[in-house]
Amino acid sequence: MAAGAIIEIWSAIKDITPWGALALVLVTWLKTKSSRKIIITSKNNDIFHAEGMSVAEVERLLDVAKDVAVIEMQQKNKT
């Protein structure tokens, strides 16, 4: 897939993870590399892209999330 590695972790951790800690990790992960994306789907099927959001905003979304997709785009080699 051209989009790179997609990791769906939500179903495995959504019942045991403190939202604040997870939100902090996700926002920090996003800020370290521009090729990273996080897409959150709410229980109402609204879709949110976490880029540019604060930890508090992501924490609120995680509380109502149905699915979370964590994506890292592959960098093309410059030759």
N, C-alpha and C. Protein backbone atom coordinates (compact mmCIF):
# COMPACT_ATOMS: atom_id res chain seq x y z
N MET A 1 0.84 -1.18 0.00
CA MET A 1 0.00 0.00 0.00
C MET A 1 0.88 1.24 0.00
N ALA A 2 0.60 2.19 -0.83
CA ALA A 2 1.41 3.40 -0.94
C ALA A 2 1.37 4.26 0.31
N ALA A 3 0.35 4.11 1.12
CA ALA A 3 0.21 4.93 2.32
C ALA A 3 1.19 4.52 3.41
N GLY A 4 1.86 3.44 3.27
CA GLY A 4 2.80 3.02 4.29
C GLY A 4 2.17 2.08 5.30
N ALA A 5 2.79 1.99 6.43
CA ALA A 5 2.31 1.06 7.45
C ALA A 5 1.13 1.65 8.19
N ILE A 6 0.05 0.89 8.28
CA ILE A 6 -1.13 1.31 9.02
C ILE A 6 -1.27 0.35 10.19
N ILE A 7 -1.36 0.91 11.38
CA ILE A 7 -1.48 0.08 12.57
C ILE A 7 -2.79 0.42 13.25
N GLU A 8 -3.68 -0.53 13.36
CA GLU A 8 -4.93 -0.32 14.08
C GLU A 8 -4.76 -0.93 15.46
N ILE A 9 -4.65 -0.07 16.45
CA ILE A 9 -4.39 -0.55 17.80
C ILE A 9 -5.59 -0.40 18.72
N TRP A 10 -6.59 0.26 18.26
CA TRP A 10 -7.65 0.71 19.14
C TRP A 10 -8.39 -0.42 19.83
N SER A 11 -8.81 -1.43 19.10
CA SER A 11 -9.63 -2.47 19.70
C SER A 11 -8.90 -3.20 20.82
N ALA A 12 -7.59 -3.27 20.76
CA ALA A 12 -6.83 -3.99 21.77
C ALA A 12 -6.64 -3.20 23.06
N ILE A 13 -6.69 -1.87 23.00
CA ILE A 13 -6.34 -1.09 24.18
C ILE A 13 -7.42 -0.15 24.68
N LYS A 14 -8.53 -0.02 23.99
CA LYS A 14 -9.47 1.05 24.32
C LYS A 14 -10.11 0.91 25.70
N ASP A 15 -10.20 -0.28 26.25
CA ASP A 15 -10.83 -0.44 27.55
C ASP A 15 -9.85 -0.33 28.72
N ILE A 16 -8.54 -0.29 28.48
CA ILE A 16 -7.59 -0.31 29.58
C ILE A 16 -6.66 0.90 29.63
N THR A 17 -6.73 1.80 28.69
CA THR A 17 -5.76 2.88 28.59
C THR A 17 -6.29 4.19 29.16
N PRO A 18 -5.50 4.87 30.00
CA PRO A 18 -5.88 6.22 30.44
C PRO A 18 -5.78 7.19 29.26
N TRP A 19 -6.85 7.89 28.95
CA TRP A 19 -6.90 8.73 27.75
C TRP A 19 -5.83 9.81 27.74
N GLY A 20 -5.56 10.44 28.86
CA GLY A 20 -4.57 11.52 28.91
C GLY A 20 -3.19 11.05 28.51
N ALA A 21 -2.77 9.91 29.03
CA ALA A 21 -1.45 9.37 28.71
C ALA A 21 -1.36 8.98 27.24
N LEU A 22 -2.39 8.32 26.74
CA LEU A 22 -2.39 7.93 25.33
C LEU A 22 -2.40 9.15 24.43
N ALA A 23 -3.19 10.16 24.76
CA ALA A 23 -3.25 11.38 23.96
C ALA A 23 -1.89 12.06 23.91
N LEU A 24 -1.19 12.11 25.04
CA LEU A 24 0.14 12.72 25.07
C LEU A 24 1.11 11.97 24.16
N VAL A 25 1.08 10.65 24.22
CA VAL A 25 1.96 9.83 23.36
C VAL A 25 1.63 10.06 21.89
N LEU A 26 0.35 10.07 21.53
CA LEU A 26 -0.04 10.24 20.13
C LEU A 26 0.35 11.61 19.59
N VAL A 27 0.10 12.67 20.36
CA VAL A 27 0.44 14.02 19.90
C VAL A 27 1.96 14.17 19.77
N THR A 28 2.70 13.64 20.72
CA THR A 28 4.16 13.70 20.65
C THR A 28 4.66 12.93 19.44
N TRP A 29 4.11 11.75 19.18
CA TRP A 29 4.50 10.93 18.03
C TRP A 29 4.24 11.68 16.73
N LEU A 30 3.09 12.38 16.65
CA LEU A 30 2.77 13.14 15.44
C LEU A 30 3.76 14.26 15.19
N LYS A 31 4.15 14.95 16.25
CA LYS A 31 5.01 16.14 16.11
C LYS A 31 6.45 15.81 15.72
N THR A 32 6.88 14.57 15.91
CA THR A 32 8.27 14.23 15.63
C THR A 32 8.56 13.95 14.16
N LYS A 33 7.52 13.75 13.35
CA LYS A 33 7.73 13.44 11.94
C LYS A 33 6.51 13.84 11.13
N SER A 34 6.70 14.62 10.11
CA SER A 34 5.56 15.13 9.34
C SER A 34 4.85 14.06 8.52
N SER A 35 5.45 12.91 8.33
CA SER A 35 4.83 11.84 7.53
C SER A 35 3.88 10.97 8.34
N ARG A 36 3.64 11.34 9.59
CA ARG A 36 2.77 10.55 10.45
C ARG A 36 1.36 11.14 10.51
N LYS A 37 0.37 10.27 10.57
CA LYS A 37 -1.04 10.67 10.63
C LYS A 37 -1.77 9.82 11.65
N ILE A 38 -2.77 10.43 12.29
CA ILE A 38 -3.66 9.70 13.18
C ILE A 38 -5.08 10.10 12.81
N ILE A 39 -5.90 9.09 12.53
CA ILE A 39 -7.29 9.32 12.14
C ILE A 39 -8.18 8.64 13.18
N ILE A 40 -9.06 9.42 13.78
CA ILE A 40 -9.94 8.93 14.84
C ILE A 40 -11.37 8.94 14.31
N THR A 41 -12.05 7.81 14.42
CA THR A 41 -13.46 7.71 14.04
C THR A 41 -14.28 7.60 15.32
N SER A 42 -15.25 8.49 15.46
CA SER A 42 -16.08 8.50 16.67
C SER A 42 -17.17 7.44 16.58
N LYS A 43 -17.86 7.24 17.69
CA LYS A 43 -18.97 6.29 17.72
C LYS A 43 -20.10 6.72 16.79
N ASN A 44 -20.15 8.02 16.46
CA ASN A 44 -21.15 8.55 15.52
C ASN A 44 -20.65 8.52 14.08
N ASN A 45 -19.50 7.89 13.85
CA ASN A 45 -18.85 7.79 12.54
C ASN A 45 -18.34 9.12 12.01
N ASP A 46 -18.09 10.09 12.89
CA ASP A 46 -17.40 11.32 12.49
C ASP A 46 -15.92 10.99 12.43
N ILE A 47 -15.22 11.57 11.45
CA ILE A 47 -13.80 11.28 11.25
C ILE A 47 -13.00 12.54 11.56
N PHE A 48 -11.94 12.37 12.38
CA PHE A 48 -11.08 13.48 12.78
C PHE A 48 -9.63 13.13 12.50
N HIS A 49 -8.89 14.09 11.97
CA HIS A 49 -7.45 13.96 11.78
C HIS A 49 -6.79 14.70 12.93
N ALA A 50 -5.94 14.03 13.68
CA ALA A 50 -5.39 14.58 14.91
C ALA A 50 -4.26 15.58 14.70
N GLU A 51 -3.77 15.74 13.48
CA GLU A 51 -2.68 16.68 13.23
C GLU A 51 -3.10 18.09 13.65
N GLY A 52 -2.24 18.75 14.42
CA GLY A 52 -2.50 20.12 14.85
C GLY A 52 -3.39 20.23 16.08
N MET A 53 -3.85 19.12 16.61
CA MET A 53 -4.70 19.16 17.80
C MET A 53 -3.85 19.15 19.06
N SER A 54 -4.41 19.68 20.12
CA SER A 54 -3.73 19.65 21.42
C SER A 54 -3.95 18.29 22.08
N VAL A 55 -3.20 18.04 23.15
CA VAL A 55 -3.36 16.80 23.90
C VAL A 55 -4.78 16.72 24.46
N ALA A 56 -5.30 17.83 24.98
CA ALA A 56 -6.66 17.84 25.54
C ALA A 56 -7.71 17.53 24.48
N GLU A 57 -7.54 18.05 23.26
CA GLU A 57 -8.49 17.77 22.18
C GLU A 57 -8.46 16.29 21.80
N VAL A 58 -7.27 15.74 21.68
CA VAL A 58 -7.15 14.32 21.33
C VAL A 58 -7.72 13.46 22.45
N GLU A 59 -7.48 13.85 23.69
CA GLU A 59 -8.02 13.10 24.83
C GLU A 59 -9.54 13.04 24.77
N ARG A 60 -10.18 14.16 24.46
CA ARG A 60 -11.65 14.18 24.36
C ARG A 60 -12.13 13.28 23.23
N LEU A 61 -11.42 13.28 22.10
CA LEU A 61 -11.81 12.42 20.98
C LEU A 61 -11.64 10.94 21.32
N LEU A 62 -10.57 10.61 22.02
CA LEU A 62 -10.34 9.21 22.39
C LEU A 62 -11.47 8.67 23.27
N ASP A 63 -12.04 9.56 24.07
CA ASP A 63 -13.12 9.14 24.97
C ASP A 63 -14.37 8.70 24.20
N VAL A 64 -14.57 9.21 22.99
CA VAL A 64 -15.75 8.86 22.19
C VAL A 64 -15.37 8.08 20.92
N ALA A 65 -14.14 7.57 20.88
CA ALA A 65 -13.65 6.92 19.67
C ALA A 65 -14.17 5.49 19.54
N LYS A 66 -14.45 5.16 18.28
CA LYS A 66 -14.78 3.79 17.91
C LYS A 66 -13.54 3.10 17.35
N ASP A 67 -12.76 3.83 16.53
CA ASP A 67 -11.55 3.32 15.89
C ASP A 67 -10.49 4.40 15.87
N VAL A 68 -9.23 3.97 15.91
CA VAL A 68 -8.09 4.87 15.76
C VAL A 68 -7.13 4.22 14.78
N ALA A 69 -6.75 4.96 13.74
CA ALA A 69 -5.75 4.47 12.78
C ALA A 69 -4.51 5.31 12.92
N VAL A 70 -3.38 4.64 13.11
CA VAL A 70 -2.08 5.29 13.25
C VAL A 70 -1.29 4.96 11.99
N ILE A 71 -0.88 5.98 11.25
CA ILE A 71 -0.27 5.78 9.93
C ILE A 71 1.07 6.49 9.86
N GLU A 72 2.07 5.81 9.32
CA GLU A 72 3.35 6.44 9.03
C GLU A 72 3.64 6.21 7.56
N MET A 73 3.69 7.30 6.82
CA MET A 73 3.95 7.22 5.38
C MET A 73 5.41 6.88 5.15
N GLN A 74 5.67 6.07 4.17
CA GLN A 74 7.05 5.73 3.83
C GLN A 74 7.69 6.87 3.07
N GLN A 75 8.91 7.21 3.45
CA GLN A 75 9.67 8.25 2.77
C GLN A 75 10.28 7.68 1.50
N LYS A 76 10.18 8.42 0.42
CA LYS A 76 10.80 7.99 -0.83
C LYS A 76 12.29 8.33 -0.76
N ASN A 77 13.11 7.42 -1.25
CA ASN A 77 14.55 7.66 -1.27
C ASN A 77 14.88 8.71 -2.30
N LYS A 78 15.72 9.67 -1.90
CA LYS A 78 16.19 10.70 -2.84
C LYS A 78 17.51 10.23 -3.41
N THR A 79 17.51 9.99 -4.73
CA THR A 79 18.74 9.51 -5.37
C THR A 79 19.19 10.48 -6.41
